[in-house]
Each structure stands twice: as C-alpha cells, then as structure tokens.
C-alpha cells in the first residue's frame, strides 16, 4: 500500500453540503472523472457520484483527502465497486448521445 493511501485511510469520511451550493468532502482517495455536471470520487467509504449543474472543483488537497466543489448540487450517491463501471458507462453514454 502506498504511503499516501494509508494516510488517507486514517481520515474519517464526511460530507458537508451548504445550501446546495458548496460541497466539502473528506476522506477522498482520488477523483476518477469530473465535468460541469458530475463528479465520480473514490472515497474511504466507497465510490460517490455527485450530480448537479455548473459544478466546479474549488479545492483539492490530495495529501489530506479533502475536496471542495461549488455549483448546484442535485444528488449524491454511493455505489459499489462492481456498479462503478456501469455507472460511468451510462453517464458517458448520456453525455455523448446524438
């Protein structure tokens, strides 16, 4: 296990949403993908999908595993590792429909 992974795993995972406009998440291992409408994060408690409008990554602290996202947050969802690939594929297929 990488030294950074072990230090992040020691942190608690929390989600703080302020007025659906500012989202602060701790315990983030990595950001898999993101754009203006969604983020897919790997957290210490599993994969998390954030959907919204005009989403913007404001702060990323990889050492402590903290992420701050601004925009209009519409939904937060945790998914199992086995469902992550299907979820990513369905998000991308909806983004690139003609």
PDB file of N, CA and C in Angstrom:
ATOM      1  N   UNK A   1       0.843  -1.190   0.000  1.00  0.00           N
ATOM      2  CA  UNK A   1       0.000   0.000   0.000  1.00  0.00           C
ATOM      3  C   UNK A   1       0.876   1.237   0.000  1.00  0.00           C
ATOM      4  N   UNK A   2       0.503   2.176  -0.797  1.00  0.00           N
ATOM      5  CA  UNK A   2       1.216   3.443  -0.903  1.00  0.00           C
ATOM      6  C   UNK A   2       1.076   4.238   0.394  1.00  0.00           C
ATOM      7  N   UNK A   3       2.121   4.979   0.744  1.00  0.00           N
ATOM      8  CA  UNK A   3       2.113   5.775   1.973  1.00  0.00           C
ATOM      9  C   UNK A   3       0.947   6.764   1.988  1.00  0.00           C
ATOM     10  N   UNK A   4       0.668   7.406   0.853  1.00  0.00           N
ATOM     11  CA  UNK A   4      -0.443   8.358   0.781  1.00  0.00           C
ATOM     12  C   UNK A   4      -1.784   7.671   0.994  1.00  0.00           C
ATOM     13  N   UNK A   5      -1.961   6.447   0.439  1.00  0.00           N
ATOM     14  CA  UNK A   5      -3.211   5.722   0.633  1.00  0.00           C
ATOM     15  C   UNK A   5      -3.444   5.420   2.098  1.00  0.00           C
ATOM     16  N   UNK A   6      -2.398   5.018   2.824  1.00  0.00           N
ATOM     17  CA  UNK A   6      -2.573   4.679   4.232  1.00  0.00           C
ATOM     18  C   UNK A   6      -2.897   5.900   5.064  1.00  0.00           C
ATOM     19  N   UNK A   7      -2.338   7.064   4.722  1.00  0.00           N
ATOM     20  CA  UNK A   7      -2.651   8.266   5.492  1.00  0.00           C
ATOM     21  C   UNK A   7      -4.077   8.728   5.240  1.00  0.00           C
ATOM     22  N   UNK A   8      -4.572   8.588   4.013  1.00  0.00           N
ATOM     23  CA  UNK A   8      -5.947   8.980   3.717  1.00  0.00           C
ATOM     24  C   UNK A   8      -6.921   8.022   4.386  1.00  0.00           C
ATOM     25  N   UNK A   9      -6.607   6.731   4.422  1.00  0.00           N
ATOM     26  CA  UNK A   9      -7.500   5.764   5.041  1.00  0.00           C
ATOM     27  C   UNK A   9      -7.675   6.026   6.530  1.00  0.00           C
ATOM     28  N   UNK A  10      -6.751   6.710   7.169  1.00  0.00           N
ATOM     29  CA  UNK A  10      -6.871   7.031   8.579  1.00  0.00           C
ATOM     30  C   UNK A  10      -7.835   8.183   8.830  1.00  0.00           C
ATOM     31  N   UNK A  11      -8.202   8.931   7.791  1.00  0.00           N
ATOM     32  CA  UNK A  11      -9.100  10.059   7.952  1.00  0.00           C
ATOM     33  C   UNK A  11     -10.547   9.591   7.878  1.00  0.00           C
ATOM     34  N   UNK A  12     -11.404  10.254   8.634  1.00  0.00           N
ATOM     35  CA  UNK A  12     -12.826   9.979   8.573  1.00  0.00           C
ATOM     36  C   UNK A  12     -13.392  10.532   7.277  1.00  0.00           C
ATOM     37  N   UNK A  13     -14.457   9.923   6.848  1.00  0.00           N
ATOM     38  CA  UNK A  13     -15.150  10.388   5.653  1.00  0.00           C
ATOM     39  C   UNK A  13     -16.339  11.228   6.106  1.00  0.00           C
ATOM     40  N   UNK A  14     -16.437  12.435   5.572  1.00  0.00           N
ATOM     41  CA  UNK A  14     -17.591  13.268   5.888  1.00  0.00           C
ATOM     42  C   UNK A  14     -18.010  14.044   4.655  1.00  0.00           C
ATOM     43  N   UNK A  15     -19.283  14.413   4.648  1.00  0.00           N
ATOM     44  CA  UNK A  15     -19.859  15.198   3.561  1.00  0.00           C
ATOM     45  C   UNK A  15     -20.582  16.374   4.196  1.00  0.00           C
ATOM     46  N   UNK A  16     -20.233  17.580   3.775  1.00  0.00           N
ATOM     47  CA  UNK A  16     -20.857  18.785   4.301  1.00  0.00           C
ATOM     48  C   UNK A  16     -21.392  19.585   3.119  1.00  0.00           C
ATOM     49  N   UNK A  17     -22.709  19.732   3.062  1.00  0.00           N
ATOM     50  CA  UNK A  17     -23.365  20.446   1.973  1.00  0.00           C
ATOM     51  C   UNK A  17     -24.004  21.712   2.533  1.00  0.00           C
ATOM     52  N   UNK A  18     -23.607  22.858   2.009  1.00  0.00           N
ATOM     53  CA  UNK A  18     -24.123  24.138   2.464  1.00  0.00           C
ATOM     54  C   UNK A  18     -24.999  24.753   1.373  1.00  0.00           C
ATOM     55  N   UNK A  19     -26.294  24.840   1.649  1.00  0.00           N
ATOM     56  CA  UNK A  19     -27.274  25.475   0.761  1.00  0.00           C
ATOM     57  C   UNK A  19     -27.240  24.942  -0.672  1.00  0.00           C
ATOM     58  N   UNK A  20     -26.914  23.658  -0.831  1.00  0.00           N
ATOM     59  CA  UNK A  20     -26.844  23.002  -2.141  1.00  0.00           C
ATOM     60  C   UNK A  20     -25.865  23.673  -3.092  1.00  0.00           C
ATOM     61  N   UNK A  21     -24.986  24.533  -2.596  1.00  0.00           N
ATOM     62  CA  UNK A  21     -24.064  25.263  -3.470  1.00  0.00           C
ATOM     63  C   UNK A  21     -22.598  24.960  -3.195  1.00  0.00           C
ATOM     64  N   UNK A  22     -22.258  24.579  -1.978  1.00  0.00           N
ATOM     65  CA  UNK A  22     -20.869  24.273  -1.640  1.00  0.00           C
ATOM     66  C   UNK A  22     -20.830  22.906  -0.969  1.00  0.00           C
ATOM     67  N   UNK A  23     -20.029  22.024  -1.516  1.00  0.00           N
ATOM     68  CA  UNK A  23     -19.914  20.661  -1.013  1.00  0.00           C
ATOM     69  C   UNK A  23     -18.466  20.414  -0.599  1.00  0.00           C
ATOM     70  N   UNK A  24     -18.261  20.066   0.659  1.00  0.00           N
ATOM     71  CA  UNK A  24     -16.930  19.749   1.172  1.00  0.00           C
ATOM     72  C   UNK A  24     -16.936  18.276   1.571  1.00  0.00           C
ATOM     73  N   UNK A  25     -15.997  17.515   1.015  1.00  0.00           N
ATOM     74  CA  UNK A  25     -15.919  16.072   1.266  1.00  0.00           C
ATOM     75  C   UNK A  25     -14.536  15.745   1.788  1.00  0.00           C
ATOM     76  N   UNK A  26     -14.464  14.966   2.861  1.00  0.00           N
ATOM     77  CA  UNK A  26     -13.192  14.485   3.377  1.00  0.00           C
ATOM     78  C   UNK A  26     -13.113  12.978   3.152  1.00  0.00           C
ATOM     79  N   UNK A  27     -11.914  12.441   3.211  1.00  0.00           N
ATOM     80  CA  UNK A  27     -11.718  11.013   3.009  1.00  0.00           C
ATOM     81  C   UNK A  27     -11.745  10.617   1.543  1.00  0.00           C
ATOM     82  N   UNK A  28     -11.354  11.524   0.654  1.00  0.00           N
ATOM     83  CA  UNK A  28     -11.342  11.239  -0.785  1.00  0.00           C
ATOM     84  C   UNK A  28      -9.985  10.672  -1.171  1.00  0.00           C
ATOM     85  N   UNK A  29      -9.993   9.498  -1.771  1.00  0.00           N
ATOM     86  CA  UNK A  29      -8.751   8.880  -2.245  1.00  0.00           C
ATOM     87  C   UNK A  29      -8.329   9.455  -3.587  1.00  0.00           C
ATOM     88  N   UNK A  30      -9.298   9.586  -4.500  1.00  0.00           N
ATOM     89  CA  UNK A  30      -8.988  10.149  -5.822  1.00  0.00           C
ATOM     90  C   UNK A  30     -10.282  10.564  -6.507  1.00  0.00           C
ATOM     91  N   UNK A  31     -10.129  11.430  -7.495  1.00  0.00           N
ATOM     92  CA  UNK A  31     -11.233  11.818  -8.363  1.00  0.00           C
ATOM     93  C   UNK A  31     -11.061  11.036  -9.654  1.00  0.00           C
ATOM     94  N   UNK A  32     -12.041  10.180  -9.961  1.00  0.00           N
ATOM     95  CA  UNK A  32     -11.946   9.385 -11.189  1.00  0.00           C
ATOM     96  C   UNK A  32     -12.229  10.229 -12.414  1.00  0.00           C
ATOM     97  N   UNK A  33     -13.388  10.871 -12.447  1.00  0.00           N
ATOM     98  CA  UNK A  33     -13.755  11.731 -13.565  1.00  0.00           C
ATOM     99  C   UNK A  33     -14.595  12.889 -13.050  1.00  0.00           C
ATOM    100  N   UNK A  34     -14.606  13.972 -13.821  1.00  0.00           N
ATOM    101  CA  UNK A  34     -15.498  15.070 -13.484  1.00  0.00           C
ATOM    102  C   UNK A  34     -15.697  15.979 -14.684  1.00  0.00           C
ATOM    103  N   UNK A  35     -16.829  16.655 -14.679  1.00  0.00           N
ATOM    104  CA  UNK A  35     -17.110  17.716 -15.628  1.00  0.00           C
ATOM    105  C   UNK A  35     -18.095  18.667 -14.961  1.00  0.00           C
ATOM    106  N   UNK A  36     -18.746  19.521 -15.722  1.00  0.00           N
ATOM    107  CA  UNK A  36     -19.650  20.523 -15.150  1.00  0.00           C
ATOM    108  C   UNK A  36     -20.913  19.929 -14.552  1.00  0.00           C
ATOM    109  N   UNK A  37     -21.226  18.673 -14.904  1.00  0.00           N
ATOM    110  CA  UNK A  37     -22.484  18.074 -14.462  1.00  0.00           C
ATOM    111  C   UNK A  37     -22.334  16.898 -13.509  1.00  0.00           C
ATOM    112  N   UNK A  38     -21.139  16.343 -13.367  1.00  0.00           N
ATOM    113  CA  UNK A  38     -20.983  15.210 -12.453  1.00  0.00           C
ATOM    114  C   UNK A  38     -19.528  15.016 -12.027  1.00  0.00           C
ATOM    115  N   UNK A  39     -19.360  14.415 -10.869  1.00  0.00           N
ATOM    116  CA  UNK A  39     -18.064  14.005 -10.342  1.00  0.00           C
ATOM    117  C   UNK A  39     -18.179  12.550  -9.923  1.00  0.00           C
ATOM    118  N   UNK A  40     -17.149  11.762 -10.140  1.00  0.00           N
ATOM    119  CA  UNK A  40     -17.069  10.407  -9.596  1.00  0.00           C
ATOM    120  C   UNK A  40     -15.821  10.363  -8.735  1.00  0.00           C
ATOM    121  N   UNK A  41     -16.023  10.160  -7.422  1.00  0.00           N
ATOM    122  CA  UNK A  41     -14.941  10.173  -6.446  1.00  0.00           C
ATOM    123  C   UNK A  41     -14.777   8.798  -5.824  1.00  0.00           C
ATOM    124  N   UNK A  42     -13.552   8.418  -5.560  1.00  0.00           N
ATOM    125  CA  UNK A  42     -13.250   7.213  -4.790  1.00  0.00           C
ATOM    126  C   UNK A  42     -12.958   7.675  -3.369  1.00  0.00           C
ATOM    127  N   UNK A  43     -13.843   7.332  -2.433  1.00  0.00           N
ATOM    128  CA  UNK A  43     -13.687   7.755  -1.045  1.00  0.00           C
ATOM    129  C   UNK A  43     -13.356   6.554  -0.170  1.00  0.00           C
ATOM    130  N   UNK A  44     -13.033   6.817   1.077  1.00  0.00           N
ATOM    131  CA  UNK A  44     -12.729   5.734   2.005  1.00  0.00           C
ATOM    132  C   UNK A  44     -13.962   4.889   2.313  1.00  0.00           C
ATOM    133  N   UNK A  45     -15.148   5.379   1.981  1.00  0.00           N
ATOM    134  CA  UNK A  45     -16.393   4.644   2.207  1.00  0.00           C
ATOM    135  C   UNK A  45     -16.999   4.114   0.911  1.00  0.00           C
ATOM    136  N   UNK A  46     -16.268   4.161  -0.193  1.00  0.00           N
ATOM    137  CA  UNK A  46     -16.751   3.666  -1.473  1.00  0.00           C
ATOM    138  C   UNK A  46     -16.835   4.784  -2.497  1.00  0.00           C
ATOM    139  N   UNK A  47     -17.260   4.409  -3.697  1.00  0.00           N
ATOM    140  CA  UNK A  47     -17.376   5.392  -4.773  1.00  0.00           C
ATOM    141  C   UNK A  47     -18.598   6.274  -4.555  1.00  0.00           C
ATOM    142  N   UNK A  48     -18.440   7.545  -4.873  1.00  0.00           N
ATOM    143  CA  UNK A  48     -19.510   8.525  -4.724  1.00  0.00           C
ATOM    144  C   UNK A  48     -19.709   9.238  -6.053  1.00  0.00           C
ATOM    145  N   UNK A  49     -20.976   9.380  -6.446  1.00  0.00           N
ATOM    146  CA  UNK A  49     -21.317  10.113  -7.663  1.00  0.00           C
ATOM    147  C   UNK A  49     -22.070  11.366  -7.245  1.00  0.00           C
ATOM    148  N   UNK A  50     -21.605  12.500  -7.726  1.00  0.00           N
ATOM    149  CA  UNK A  50     -22.228  13.786  -7.441  1.00  0.00           C
ATOM    150  C   UNK A  50     -22.753  14.327  -8.763  1.00  0.00           C
ATOM    151  N   UNK A  51     -24.031  14.667  -8.793  1.00  0.00           N
ATOM    152  CA  UNK A  51     -24.637  15.226  -9.999  1.00  0.00           C
ATOM    153  C   UNK A  51     -25.138  16.622  -9.690  1.00  0.00           C
ATOM    154  N   UNK A  52     -25.048  17.491 -10.687  1.00  0.00           N
ATOM    155  CA  UNK A  52     -25.512  18.856 -10.491  1.00  0.00           C
ATOM    156  C   UNK A  52     -25.336  19.689 -11.740  1.00  0.00           C
ATOM    157  N   UNK A  53     -25.324  20.999 -11.542  1.00  0.00           N
ATOM    158  CA  UNK A  53     -25.184  21.943 -12.653  1.00  0.00           C
ATOM    159  C   UNK A  53     -24.084  22.938 -12.326  1.00  0.00           C
ATOM    160  N   UNK A  54     -23.313  23.281 -13.326  1.00  0.00           N
ATOM    161  CA  UNK A  54     -22.210  24.244 -13.185  1.00  0.00           C
ATOM    162  C   UNK A  54     -21.256  23.864 -12.048  1.00  0.00           C
ATOM    163  N   UNK A  55     -20.941  22.575 -11.934  1.00  0.00           N
ATOM    164  CA  UNK A  55     -20.045  22.102 -10.875  1.00  0.00           C
ATOM    165  C   UNK A  55     -18.615  22.502 -11.204  1.00  0.00           C
ATOM    166  N   UNK A  56     -17.897  22.920 -10.178  1.00  0.00           N
ATOM    167  CA  UNK A  56     -16.519  23.373 -10.358  1.00  0.00           C
ATOM    168  C   UNK A  56     -15.694  22.896  -9.170  1.00  0.00           C
ATOM    169  N   UNK A  57     -14.532  22.339  -9.451  1.00  0.00           N
ATOM    170  CA  UNK A  57     -13.615  21.898  -8.409  1.00  0.00           C
ATOM    171  C   UNK A  57     -12.894  23.121  -7.863  1.00  0.00           C
ATOM    172  N   UNK A  58     -13.166  23.458  -6.607  1.00  0.00           N
ATOM    173  CA  UNK A  58     -12.598  24.651  -5.991  1.00  0.00           C
ATOM    174  C   UNK A  58     -11.308  24.317  -5.254  1.00  0.00           C
ATOM    175  N   UNK A  59     -11.311  23.198  -4.508  1.00  0.00           N
ATOM    176  CA  UNK A  59     -10.134  22.843  -3.723  1.00  0.00           C
ATOM    177  C   UNK A  59      -9.924  21.345  -3.783  1.00  0.00           C
ATOM    178  N   UNK A  60      -8.669  20.948  -3.980  1.00  0.00           N
ATOM    179  CA  UNK A  60      -8.284  19.551  -3.966  1.00  0.00           C
ATOM    180  C   UNK A  60      -7.012  19.430  -3.146  1.00  0.00           C
ATOM    181  N   UNK A  61      -7.116  18.786  -1.998  1.00  0.00           N
ATOM    182  CA  UNK A  61      -5.965  18.548  -1.129  1.00  0.00           C
ATOM    183  C   UNK A  61      -5.720  17.049  -1.112  1.00  0.00           C
ATOM    184  N   UNK A  62      -4.818  16.580  -1.985  1.00  0.00           N
ATOM    185  CA  UNK A  62      -4.585  15.149  -2.113  1.00  0.00           C
ATOM    186  C   UNK A  62      -3.895  14.553  -0.902  1.00  0.00           C
ATOM    187  N   UNK A  63      -3.145  15.342  -0.183  1.00  0.00           N
ATOM    188  CA  UNK A  63      -2.442  14.832   0.991  1.00  0.00           C
ATOM    189  C   UNK A  63      -3.413  14.460   2.107  1.00  0.00           C
ATOM    190  N   UNK A  64      -4.397  15.301   2.353  1.00  0.00           N
ATOM    191  CA  UNK A  64      -5.353  15.013   3.425  1.00  0.00           C
ATOM    192  C   UNK A  64      -6.664  14.447   2.903  1.00  0.00           C
ATOM    193  N   UNK A  65      -6.868  14.398   1.592  1.00  0.00           N
ATOM    194  CA  UNK A  65      -8.073  13.804   1.023  1.00  0.00           C
ATOM    195  C   UNK A  65      -9.295  14.689   1.098  1.00  0.00           C
ATOM    196  N   UNK A  66      -9.127  16.007   1.011  1.00  0.00           N
ATOM    197  CA  UNK A  66     -10.240  16.949   1.068  1.00  0.00           C
ATOM    198  C   UNK A  66     -10.545  17.505  -0.318  1.00  0.00           C
ATOM    199  N   UNK A  67     -11.840  17.611  -0.619  1.00  0.00           N
ATOM    200  CA  UNK A  67     -12.296  18.146  -1.898  1.00  0.00           C
ATOM    201  C   UNK A  67     -13.419  19.137  -1.627  1.00  0.00           C
ATOM    202  N   UNK A  68     -13.389  20.277  -2.323  1.00  0.00           N
ATOM    203  CA  UNK A  68     -14.473  21.254  -2.254  1.00  0.00           C
ATOM    204  C   UNK A  68     -14.996  21.481  -3.664  1.00  0.00           C
ATOM    205  N   UNK A  69     -16.327  21.359  -3.813  1.00  0.00           N
ATOM    206  CA  UNK A  69     -16.991  21.523  -5.102  1.00  0.00           C
ATOM    207  C   UNK A  69     -18.056  22.602  -4.945  1.00  0.00           C
ATOM    208  N   UNK A  70     -18.118  23.506  -5.919  1.00  0.00           N
ATOM    209  CA  UNK A  70     -19.171  24.531  -5.926  1.00  0.00           C
ATOM    210  C   UNK A  70     -20.039  24.344  -7.151  1.00  0.00           C
ATOM    211  N   UNK A  71     -21.286  24.757  -7.035  1.00  0.00           N
ATOM    212  CA  UNK A  71     -22.263  24.641  -8.102  1.00  0.00           C
ATOM    213  C   UNK A  71     -23.596  24.274  -7.484  1.00  0.00           C
ATOM    214  N   UNK A  72     -24.554  23.933  -8.318  1.00  0.00           N
ATOM    215  CA  UNK A  72     -25.857  23.481  -7.818  1.00  0.00           C
ATOM    216  C   UNK A  72     -25.821  21.968  -7.699  1.00  0.00           C
ATOM    217  N   UNK A  73     -25.881  21.458  -6.474  1.00  0.00           N
ATOM    218  CA  UNK A  73     -25.819  20.021  -6.219  1.00  0.00           C
ATOM    219  C   UNK A  73     -27.228  19.452  -6.302  1.00  0.00           C
ATOM    220  N   UNK A  74     -27.433  18.480  -7.194  1.00  0.00           N
ATOM    221  CA  UNK A  74     -28.739  17.849  -7.343  1.00  0.00           C
ATOM    222  C   UNK A  74     -28.830  16.502  -6.653  1.00  0.00           C
ATOM    223  N   UNK A  75     -27.719  15.746  -6.612  1.00  0.00           N
ATOM    224  CA  UNK A  75     -27.771  14.435  -5.958  1.00  0.00           C
ATOM    225  C   UNK A  75     -26.377  13.953  -5.579  1.00  0.00           C
ATOM    226  N   UNK A  76     -26.353  13.130  -4.529  1.00  0.00           N
ATOM    227  CA  UNK A  76     -25.160  12.414  -4.078  1.00  0.00           C
ATOM    228  C   UNK A  76     -25.545  10.952  -3.991  1.00  0.00           C
ATOM    229  N   UNK A  77     -24.669  10.087  -4.474  1.00  0.00           N
ATOM    230  CA  UNK A  77     -24.988   8.663  -4.456  1.00  0.00           C
ATOM    231  C   UNK A  77     -23.714   7.855  -4.230  1.00  0.00           C
ATOM    232  N   UNK A  78     -23.810   6.855  -3.368  1.00  0.00           N
ATOM    233  CA  UNK A  78     -22.713   5.914  -3.181  1.00  0.00           C
ATOM    234  C   UNK A  78     -23.014   4.680  -4.024  1.00  0.00           C
ATOM    235  N   UNK A  79     -21.974   4.137  -4.667  1.00  0.00           N
ATOM    236  CA  UNK A  79     -22.142   2.929  -5.478  1.00  0.00           C
ATOM    237  C   UNK A  79     -21.087   1.910  -5.080  1.00  0.00           C
ATOM    238  N   UNK A  80     -21.420   0.632  -5.298  1.00  0.00           N
ATOM    239  CA  UNK A  80     -20.459  -0.437  -5.065  1.00  0.00           C
ATOM    240  C   UNK A  80     -19.413  -0.423  -6.162  1.00  0.00           C
ATOM    241  N   UNK A  81     -18.243  -0.996  -5.885  1.00  0.00           N
ATOM    242  CA  UNK A  81     -17.176  -1.056  -6.888  1.00  0.00           C
ATOM    243  C   UNK A  81     -17.655  -1.743  -8.159  1.00  0.00           C
ATOM    244  N   UNK A  82     -18.459  -2.802  -8.022  1.00  0.00           N
ATOM    245  CA  UNK A  82     -18.920  -3.537  -9.194  1.00  0.00           C
ATOM    246  C   UNK A  82     -19.871  -2.703 -10.042  1.00  0.00           C
ATOM    247  N   UNK A  83     -20.602  -1.779  -9.428  1.00  0.00           N
ATOM    248  CA  UNK A  83     -21.536  -0.929 -10.163  1.00  0.00           C
ATOM    249  C   UNK A  83     -20.865   0.308 -10.742  1.00  0.00           C
ATOM    250  N   UNK A  84     -19.640   0.623 -10.314  1.00  0.00           N
ATOM    251  CA  UNK A  84     -18.975   1.858 -10.748  1.00  0.00           C
ATOM    252  C   UNK A  84     -18.772   1.897 -12.254  1.00  0.00           C
ATOM    253  N   UNK A  85     -18.313   0.800 -12.829  1.00  0.00           N
ATOM    254  CA  UNK A  85     -18.046   0.789 -14.268  1.00  0.00           C
ATOM    255  C   UNK A  85     -19.336   1.000 -15.051  1.00  0.00           C
ATOM    256  N   UNK A  86     -20.417   0.330 -14.658  1.00  0.00           N
ATOM    257  CA  UNK A  86     -21.697   0.514 -15.344  1.00  0.00           C
ATOM    258  C   UNK A  86     -22.198   1.941 -15.197  1.00  0.00           C
ATOM    259  N   UNK A  87     -22.001   2.526 -14.033  1.00  0.00           N
ATOM    260  CA  UNK A  87     -22.438   3.897 -13.797  1.00  0.00           C
ATOM    261  C   UNK A  87     -21.652   4.861 -14.667  1.00  0.00           C
ATOM    262  N   UNK A  88     -20.338   4.685 -14.740  1.00  0.00           N
ATOM    263  CA  UNK A  88     -19.507   5.544 -15.587  1.00  0.00           C
ATOM    264  C   UNK A  88     -19.937   5.431 -17.043  1.00  0.00           C
ATOM    265  N   UNK A  89     -20.180   4.183 -17.498  1.00  0.00           N
ATOM    266  CA  UNK A  89     -20.570   3.989 -18.890  1.00  0.00           C
ATOM    267  C   UNK A  89     -21.902   4.660 -19.179  1.00  0.00           C
ATOM    268  N   UNK A  90     -22.866   4.566 -18.257  1.00  0.00           N
ATOM    269  CA  UNK A  90     -24.158   5.172 -18.514  1.00  0.00           C
ATOM    270  C   UNK A  90     -24.054   6.700 -18.493  1.00  0.00           C
ATOM    271  N   UNK A  91     -23.222   7.264 -17.619  1.00  0.00           N
ATOM    272  CA  UNK A  91     -23.040   8.716 -17.603  1.00  0.00           C
ATOM    273  C   UNK A  91     -22.432   9.205 -18.907  1.00  0.00           C
ATOM    274  N   UNK A  92     -21.393   8.501 -19.379  1.00  0.00           N
ATOM    275  CA  UNK A  92     -20.735   8.917 -20.619  1.00  0.00           C
ATOM    276  C   UNK A  92     -21.656   8.712 -21.822  1.00  0.00           C
ATOM    277  N   UNK A  93     -22.454   7.652 -21.822  1.00  0.00           N
ATOM    278  CA  UNK A  93     -23.344   7.450 -22.957  1.00  0.00           C
ATOM    279  C   UNK A  93     -24.397   8.539 -23.022  1.00  0.00           C
ATOM    280  N   UNK A  94     -24.870   9.031 -21.860  1.00  0.00           N
ATOM    281  CA  UNK A  94     -25.836  10.123 -21.852  1.00  0.00           C
ATOM    282  C   UNK A  94     -25.179  11.439 -22.288  1.00  0.00           C
ATOM    283  N   UNK A  95     -23.908  11.624 -21.946  1.00  0.00           N
ATOM    284  CA  UNK A  95     -23.226  12.856 -22.325  1.00  0.00           C
ATOM    285  C   UNK A  95     -23.007  12.965 -23.829  1.00  0.00           C
ATOM    286  N   UNK A  96     -22.759  11.819 -24.472  1.00  0.00           N
ATOM    287  CA  UNK A  96     -22.384  11.845 -25.878  1.00  0.00           C
ATOM    288  C   UNK A  96     -23.468  11.325 -26.809  1.00  0.00           C
ATOM    289  N   UNK A  97     -24.717  11.337 -26.376  1.00  0.00           N
ATOM    290  CA  UNK A  97     -25.820  10.961 -27.262  1.00  0.00           C
ATOM    291  C   UNK A  97     -25.963  11.997 -28.364  1.00  0.00           C
ATOM    292  N   UNK A  98     -26.348  11.489 -29.529  1.00  0.00           N
ATOM    293  CA  UNK A  98     -26.531  12.443 -30.628  1.00  0.00           C
ATOM    294  C   UNK A  98     -27.978  12.799 -30.830  1.00  0.00           C
TER     295      UNK A  98
END
